Amino acid sequence: MPRPPSSQGAETREKILEVALELFTHQGYDATSLRDIAERLGITKAALYYYFERKEDILLELHMRLHDAGSALLDELEATEDGPARVAAWPALQDQLVDFMLEQRDLLLLHSRNQSALAALVGSERNQHANEELEARIVRILGSPAIPLRQRVRMAASIGVITEVLVESGEAFQDVPSEELAALVRETTADLLGVGTAR
């Protein structure tokens, strides 16, 4: 079981996740052991077990950061009245999603470079529940009859652009400065939505 929350415990847990993210991203999930992570942190493997029993638990925790970000953005969107107000709120929330993804480029590279390991998380009840919940919420938003079909299609397409460029094909753009990539993604999604760029 994870250590009960405490400032020191939370700090150590976060350091474990940071080191694991670096190692999983740059040397590969399969090539990284719990011992590698513990040695990098200067702690024993037993101390690491106090926070995470398995390497898969660390990978799942890193993966869930994307779910958490998506869920927070959907909370904000769902707090807006369905229909024109929600359409009007979409570009700003989309900008926040782009910002988050660019701030977490290492996390996205982790996903693109370790797809087989992440595929193994499909059986995780926590991951499955989070996926199903996010998908259901997106379907409800994009399926709303209060939003014109043309706009719903454009909203869906804009999500596709963001995830394709920053997640699925992230490796192809890893050498592009974040600001430049963000500007191009925003320009493309603004074209899709038929609005000016938010910035």
Protein backbone atom coordinates (compact mmCIF):
# COMPACT_ATOMS: atom_id res chain seq x y z
CA MET A 1 0.00 0.00 0.00
CA PRO A 2 1.21 3.57 -0.68
CA ARG A 3 2.49 5.60 2.24
CA PRO A 4 -0.23 7.68 3.95
CA PRO A 5 -0.19 11.33 2.80
CA SER A 6 2.37 13.54 4.52
CA SER A 7 4.47 16.40 3.20
CA GLN A 8 7.65 14.32 3.26
CA GLY A 9 5.92 11.21 1.93
CA ALA A 10 4.25 13.16 -0.87
CA GLU A 11 7.57 14.78 -1.78
CA THR A 12 9.39 11.44 -1.94
CA ARG A 13 6.58 9.91 -3.97
CA GLU A 14 6.75 12.80 -6.45
CA LYS A 15 10.55 12.39 -6.75
CA ILE A 16 10.08 8.70 -7.52
CA LEU A 17 7.62 9.58 -10.28
CA GLU A 18 9.94 12.26 -11.72
CA VAL A 19 12.93 9.90 -11.85
CA ALA A 20 10.82 7.07 -13.25
CA LEU A 21 9.44 9.37 -15.96
CA GLU A 22 12.95 10.35 -16.99
CA LEU A 23 14.22 6.77 -17.06
CA PHE A 24 11.15 5.28 -18.74
CA THR A 25 11.25 8.00 -21.40
CA HIS A 26 14.96 7.99 -22.18
CA GLN A 27 16.07 4.39 -21.64
CA GLY A 28 12.70 2.67 -21.99
CA TYR A 29 10.21 1.15 -19.58
CA ASP A 30 11.34 -2.44 -20.21
CA ALA A 31 15.01 -1.52 -19.74
CA THR A 32 14.37 0.25 -16.43
CA SER A 33 14.17 -1.68 -13.16
CA LEU A 34 12.93 -0.64 -9.74
CA ARG A 35 16.55 -0.94 -8.65
CA ASP A 36 17.56 1.64 -11.30
CA ILE A 37 14.97 4.07 -9.92
CA ALA A 38 15.99 3.46 -6.31
CA GLU A 39 19.68 3.90 -7.09
CA ARG A 40 19.06 7.16 -8.94
CA LEU A 41 17.18 8.44 -5.88
CA GLY A 42 19.77 7.15 -3.42
CA ILE A 43 17.26 5.02 -1.55
CA THR A 44 16.92 1.27 -1.05
CA LYS A 45 14.65 -0.87 -3.17
CA ALA A 46 12.75 -1.71 0.02
CA ALA A 47 12.10 2.00 0.61
CA LEU A 48 10.78 2.29 -2.94
CA TYR A 49 8.38 -0.60 -2.28
CA TYR A 50 6.92 1.47 0.54
CA TYR A 51 5.45 3.78 -2.13
CA PHE A 52 5.03 1.51 -5.17
CA GLU A 53 4.92 -2.27 -5.03
CA ARG A 54 5.41 -2.78 -8.77
CA LYS A 55 6.92 -0.93 -11.70
CA GLU A 56 3.49 -1.12 -13.36
CA ASP A 57 2.03 0.93 -10.50
CA ILE A 58 4.48 3.75 -11.25
CA LEU A 59 3.64 3.67 -14.97
CA LEU A 60 -0.08 3.74 -14.20
CA GLU A 61 0.34 6.71 -11.87
CA LEU A 62 2.20 8.63 -14.58
CA HIS A 63 -0.41 7.69 -17.18
CA MET A 64 -3.26 8.85 -14.93
CA ARG A 65 -1.88 12.40 -15.01
CA LEU A 66 -3.28 12.70 -18.53
CA HIS A 67 -6.66 11.44 -17.35
CA ASP A 68 -6.67 13.91 -14.48
CA ALA A 69 -5.92 16.84 -16.79
CA GLY A 70 -8.64 15.78 -19.23
CA SER A 71 -11.13 15.35 -16.43
CA ALA A 72 -10.40 18.81 -15.00
CA LEU A 73 -10.94 20.43 -18.40
CA LEU A 74 -14.20 18.56 -18.88
CA ASP A 75 -15.35 19.69 -15.42
CA GLU A 76 -14.81 23.27 -16.55
CA LEU A 77 -16.58 22.73 -19.86
CA GLU A 78 -19.54 20.96 -18.26
CA ALA A 79 -19.94 23.87 -15.83
CA THR A 80 -20.76 26.00 -18.90
CA GLU A 81 -24.33 25.97 -20.18
CA ASP A 82 -24.85 23.53 -23.04
CA GLY A 83 -25.23 25.06 -26.47
CA PRO A 84 -23.71 28.34 -27.73
CA ALA A 85 -22.00 29.12 -24.40
CA ARG A 86 -20.20 25.77 -24.49
CA VAL A 87 -19.13 26.32 -28.09
CA ALA A 88 -17.79 29.75 -27.11
CA ALA A 89 -15.83 28.25 -24.19
CA TRP A 90 -14.27 25.49 -26.31
CA PRO A 91 -11.29 27.43 -27.83
CA ALA A 92 -10.03 28.65 -24.42
CA LEU A 93 -10.25 25.16 -22.92
CA GLN A 94 -8.54 23.76 -25.97
CA ASP A 95 -5.71 26.26 -25.35
CA GLN A 96 -5.40 24.98 -21.78
CA LEU A 97 -5.13 21.42 -23.10
CA VAL A 98 -2.35 22.46 -25.50
CA ASP A 99 -0.54 24.24 -22.63
CA PHE A 100 -0.78 21.17 -20.40
CA MET A 101 0.47 18.82 -23.10
CA LEU A 102 3.44 21.01 -23.94
CA GLU A 103 4.32 21.38 -20.25
CA GLN A 104 4.25 17.59 -20.06
CA ARG A 105 6.19 16.76 -23.21
CA ASP A 106 8.27 14.15 -21.40
CA LEU A 107 5.08 12.46 -20.26
CA LEU A 108 3.81 12.40 -23.83
CA LEU A 109 7.14 11.04 -25.08
CA LEU A 110 6.84 8.33 -22.44
CA HIS A 111 3.58 7.31 -24.09
CA SER A 112 4.88 7.35 -27.65
CA ARG A 113 8.07 5.43 -26.76
CA ASN A 114 6.50 2.79 -24.50
CA GLN A 115 3.26 1.89 -26.24
CA SER A 116 3.50 -1.84 -25.60
CA ALA A 117 4.00 -1.28 -21.86
CA LEU A 118 1.07 1.15 -21.76
CA ALA A 119 -1.09 -1.33 -23.67
CA ALA A 120 -0.60 -3.69 -20.74
CA LEU A 121 -2.40 -1.17 -18.52
CA VAL A 122 -5.64 -1.76 -20.43
CA GLY A 123 -6.56 -4.45 -17.93
CA SER A 124 -6.15 -2.10 -14.99
CA GLU A 125 -9.55 -1.46 -13.42
CA ARG A 126 -8.55 2.09 -12.49
CA ASN A 127 -7.37 2.89 -16.01
CA GLN A 128 -10.37 1.24 -17.63
CA HIS A 129 -12.80 3.14 -15.42
CA ALA A 130 -11.05 6.47 -16.11
CA ASN A 131 -11.03 5.80 -19.88
CA GLU A 132 -14.70 4.88 -19.95
CA GLU A 133 -15.67 7.91 -17.89
CA LEU A 134 -13.70 10.35 -20.06
CA GLU A 135 -15.03 8.84 -23.29
CA ALA A 136 -18.63 8.94 -22.03
CA ARG A 137 -18.30 12.59 -21.04
CA ILE A 138 -16.79 13.58 -24.40
CA VAL A 139 -19.53 11.69 -26.25
CA ARG A 140 -22.20 13.50 -24.21
CA ILE A 141 -20.66 16.90 -25.00
CA LEU A 142 -20.10 16.23 -28.71
CA GLY A 143 -23.46 14.49 -29.05
CA SER A 144 -25.47 17.41 -27.70
CA PRO A 145 -28.33 18.47 -30.00
CA ALA A 146 -27.97 21.97 -28.49
CA ILE A 147 -24.73 22.37 -30.50
CA PRO A 148 -25.00 22.57 -34.31
CA LEU A 149 -23.66 19.47 -36.06
CA ARG A 150 -21.10 21.46 -38.06
CA GLN A 151 -19.63 22.82 -34.82
CA ARG A 152 -19.67 19.41 -33.11
CA VAL A 153 -17.67 17.91 -35.99
CA ARG A 154 -15.19 20.78 -35.87
CA MET A 155 -14.80 20.39 -32.09
CA ALA A 156 -14.14 16.66 -32.48
CA ALA A 157 -11.65 17.32 -35.28
CA SER A 158 -9.78 19.86 -33.16
CA ILE A 159 -9.30 17.24 -30.42
CA GLY A 160 -7.95 14.92 -33.10
CA VAL A 161 -5.39 17.50 -34.24
CA ILE A 162 -4.14 18.14 -30.71
CA THR A 163 -3.80 14.48 -29.77
CA GLU A 164 -2.26 13.48 -33.09
CA VAL A 165 0.38 16.22 -33.14
CA LEU A 166 1.23 16.28 -29.43
CA VAL A 167 0.68 12.63 -28.44
CA GLU A 168 0.51 10.11 -31.28
CA SER A 169 3.13 11.83 -33.47
CA GLY A 170 4.90 13.63 -30.63
CA GLU A 171 8.21 11.96 -31.45
CA ALA A 172 8.19 13.60 -34.89
CA PHE A 173 8.05 17.07 -33.35
CA GLN A 174 10.26 16.62 -30.31
CA ASP A 175 12.93 18.98 -31.68
CA VAL A 176 10.44 21.79 -32.36
CA PRO A 177 10.43 24.47 -29.63
CA SER A 178 7.26 24.28 -27.52
CA GLU A 179 6.14 27.83 -28.30
CA GLU A 180 6.44 27.31 -32.05
CA LEU A 181 4.61 23.98 -31.92
CA ALA A 182 1.87 25.46 -29.72
CA ALA A 183 1.36 28.35 -32.15
CA LEU A 184 1.01 25.99 -35.12
CA VAL A 185 -1.40 23.68 -33.29
CA ARG A 186 -3.51 26.66 -32.22
CA GLU A 187 -3.51 28.06 -35.74
CA THR A 188 -4.69 24.73 -37.14
CA THR A 189 -7.43 24.22 -34.55
CA ALA A 190 -8.61 27.81 -34.98
CA ASP A 191 -8.95 27.16 -38.72
CA LEU A 192 -10.98 24.04 -37.96
CA LEU A 193 -13.24 25.84 -35.55
CA GLY A 194 -13.64 28.83 -37.82
CA VAL A 195 -12.41 31.26 -35.17
CA GLY A 196 -9.35 33.45 -34.67
CA THR A 197 -6.55 32.14 -32.50
CA ALA A 198 -7.13 32.77 -28.80
CA ARG A 199 -3.59 34.21 -28.47
